[in-house]
């Protein structure tokens, strides 16, 4: 499920990361949807954060997580991304570069997974 909320000049797009999928792809898909771009048009994620570190922090190990709570935030592709231990990925976009709800919904990770 995707969620969109605008507060104080910033629009936040949030999705729940599916643990069966790659966290890196969830981030890329959400940023692409939030900015109205295709994932191929985004810069490499490793220029912003080490993908291996994301996996080490947030991927489950058996029945437990490496990080039981907490979050990691970083700037990526003109957005501010927050990954939380509760599997929520949030992408914060300044409202001077808005994406309409229909464009986000059509490109969100949930919509892409349904195709």
Protein backbone atom coordinates (compact mmCIF):
# COMPACT_ATOMS: atom_id res chain seq x y z
CA UNK A 1 0.00 0.00 0.00
CA UNK A 2 1.26 3.45 -0.84
CA UNK A 3 0.53 6.60 1.07
CA UNK A 4 0.97 10.25 0.10
CA UNK A 5 0.95 13.15 2.55
CA UNK A 6 1.89 16.83 2.18
CA UNK A 7 3.02 18.80 5.23
CA UNK A 8 4.94 22.07 5.43
CA UNK A 9 5.98 22.19 1.79
CA UNK A 10 7.13 18.57 1.53
CA UNK A 11 5.22 15.67 0.03
CA UNK A 12 6.02 12.28 1.52
CA UNK A 13 5.38 9.08 -0.39
CA UNK A 14 5.49 5.96 1.80
CA UNK A 15 5.37 2.27 0.97
CA UNK A 16 5.69 -0.89 3.02
CA UNK A 17 8.75 -2.86 1.88
CA UNK A 18 7.92 -6.46 0.90
CA UNK A 19 10.65 -8.57 2.52
CA UNK A 20 10.50 -10.98 -0.40
CA UNK A 21 11.76 -8.18 -2.65
CA UNK A 22 15.04 -6.28 -2.79
CA UNK A 23 15.16 -3.24 -0.49
CA UNK A 24 17.27 -1.44 -3.09
CA UNK A 25 14.54 -1.99 -5.71
CA UNK A 26 11.82 -0.83 -3.30
CA UNK A 27 13.76 2.39 -2.76
CA UNK A 28 14.42 2.91 -6.48
CA UNK A 29 10.81 2.13 -7.42
CA UNK A 30 9.45 4.50 -4.77
CA UNK A 31 11.79 7.35 -5.73
CA UNK A 32 10.95 6.84 -9.41
CA UNK A 33 7.23 6.92 -8.67
CA UNK A 34 7.53 9.95 -6.39
CA UNK A 35 9.50 11.92 -8.96
CA UNK A 36 7.66 10.75 -12.06
CA UNK A 37 10.78 9.14 -13.54
CA UNK A 38 11.72 5.65 -14.64
CA UNK A 39 14.20 3.74 -12.47
CA UNK A 40 16.64 3.67 -15.42
CA UNK A 41 16.75 7.48 -15.27
CA UNK A 42 17.83 7.57 -11.61
CA UNK A 43 21.47 7.84 -10.52
CA UNK A 44 23.11 4.78 -9.01
CA UNK A 45 21.89 4.26 -5.44
CA UNK A 46 25.40 3.41 -4.28
CA UNK A 47 26.36 7.06 -4.91
CA UNK A 48 24.06 7.95 -1.98
CA UNK A 49 24.30 4.95 0.36
CA UNK A 50 25.97 1.54 0.45
CA UNK A 51 23.33 -1.02 -0.59
CA UNK A 52 25.11 -3.69 1.44
CA UNK A 53 24.76 -1.52 4.54
CA UNK A 54 21.00 -1.26 3.93
CA UNK A 55 20.75 -5.03 3.76
CA UNK A 56 22.90 -5.45 6.87
CA UNK A 57 20.74 -3.02 8.82
CA UNK A 58 17.24 -3.84 7.65
CA UNK A 59 16.99 -7.35 6.22
CA UNK A 60 15.69 -10.01 8.60
CA UNK A 61 18.02 -12.72 9.83
CA UNK A 62 15.81 -15.70 10.50
CA UNK A 63 13.04 -14.57 12.80
CA UNK A 64 14.87 -11.45 14.00
CA UNK A 65 16.19 -8.27 12.43
CA UNK A 66 19.67 -6.87 12.63
CA UNK A 67 18.04 -3.57 13.69
CA UNK A 68 14.88 -4.15 15.78
CA UNK A 69 13.94 -0.47 15.56
CA UNK A 70 15.40 2.71 14.16
CA UNK A 71 15.83 4.26 10.74
CA UNK A 72 18.36 5.49 8.19
CA UNK A 73 17.91 8.63 6.08
CA UNK A 74 19.86 9.85 3.08
CA UNK A 75 19.51 12.16 0.07
CA UNK A 76 19.01 10.48 -3.29
CA UNK A 77 17.99 11.72 -6.74
CA UNK A 78 16.71 15.06 -5.46
CA UNK A 79 14.68 13.46 -2.68
CA UNK A 80 15.22 12.60 0.97
CA UNK A 81 14.74 8.88 1.67
CA UNK A 82 14.04 7.29 5.05
CA UNK A 83 14.14 3.53 5.57
CA UNK A 84 12.67 2.39 8.87
CA UNK A 85 13.06 -0.90 10.70
CA UNK A 86 9.29 -1.40 10.52
CA UNK A 87 9.70 -1.91 6.73
CA UNK A 88 8.42 1.54 5.77
CA UNK A 89 10.25 3.36 2.98
CA UNK A 90 9.44 7.07 2.80
CA UNK A 91 10.48 9.43 0.03
CA UNK A 92 10.24 13.15 0.78
CA UNK A 93 9.88 15.49 -2.20
CA UNK A 94 9.75 19.28 -2.07
CA UNK A 95 6.37 20.53 -3.28
CA UNK A 96 7.98 22.72 -5.93
CA UNK A 97 8.42 19.47 -7.90
CA UNK A 98 5.05 17.79 -7.28
CA UNK A 99 3.87 14.54 -8.76
CA UNK A 100 0.14 14.08 -9.04
CA UNK A 101 -1.57 11.23 -7.18
CA UNK A 102 -2.47 9.35 -10.38
CA UNK A 103 1.14 9.35 -11.65
CA UNK A 104 2.45 8.15 -8.28
CA UNK A 105 -0.22 5.44 -7.97
CA UNK A 106 0.47 4.17 -11.49
CA UNK A 107 4.22 3.97 -10.86
CA UNK A 108 4.28 2.91 -7.20
CA UNK A 109 5.95 -0.37 -6.24
CA UNK A 110 2.56 -1.91 -5.44
CA UNK A 111 1.18 -1.01 -8.88
CA UNK A 112 4.31 -2.26 -10.64
CA UNK A 113 4.11 -5.54 -8.71
CA UNK A 114 0.50 -5.98 -9.85
CA UNK A 115 1.48 -5.80 -13.55
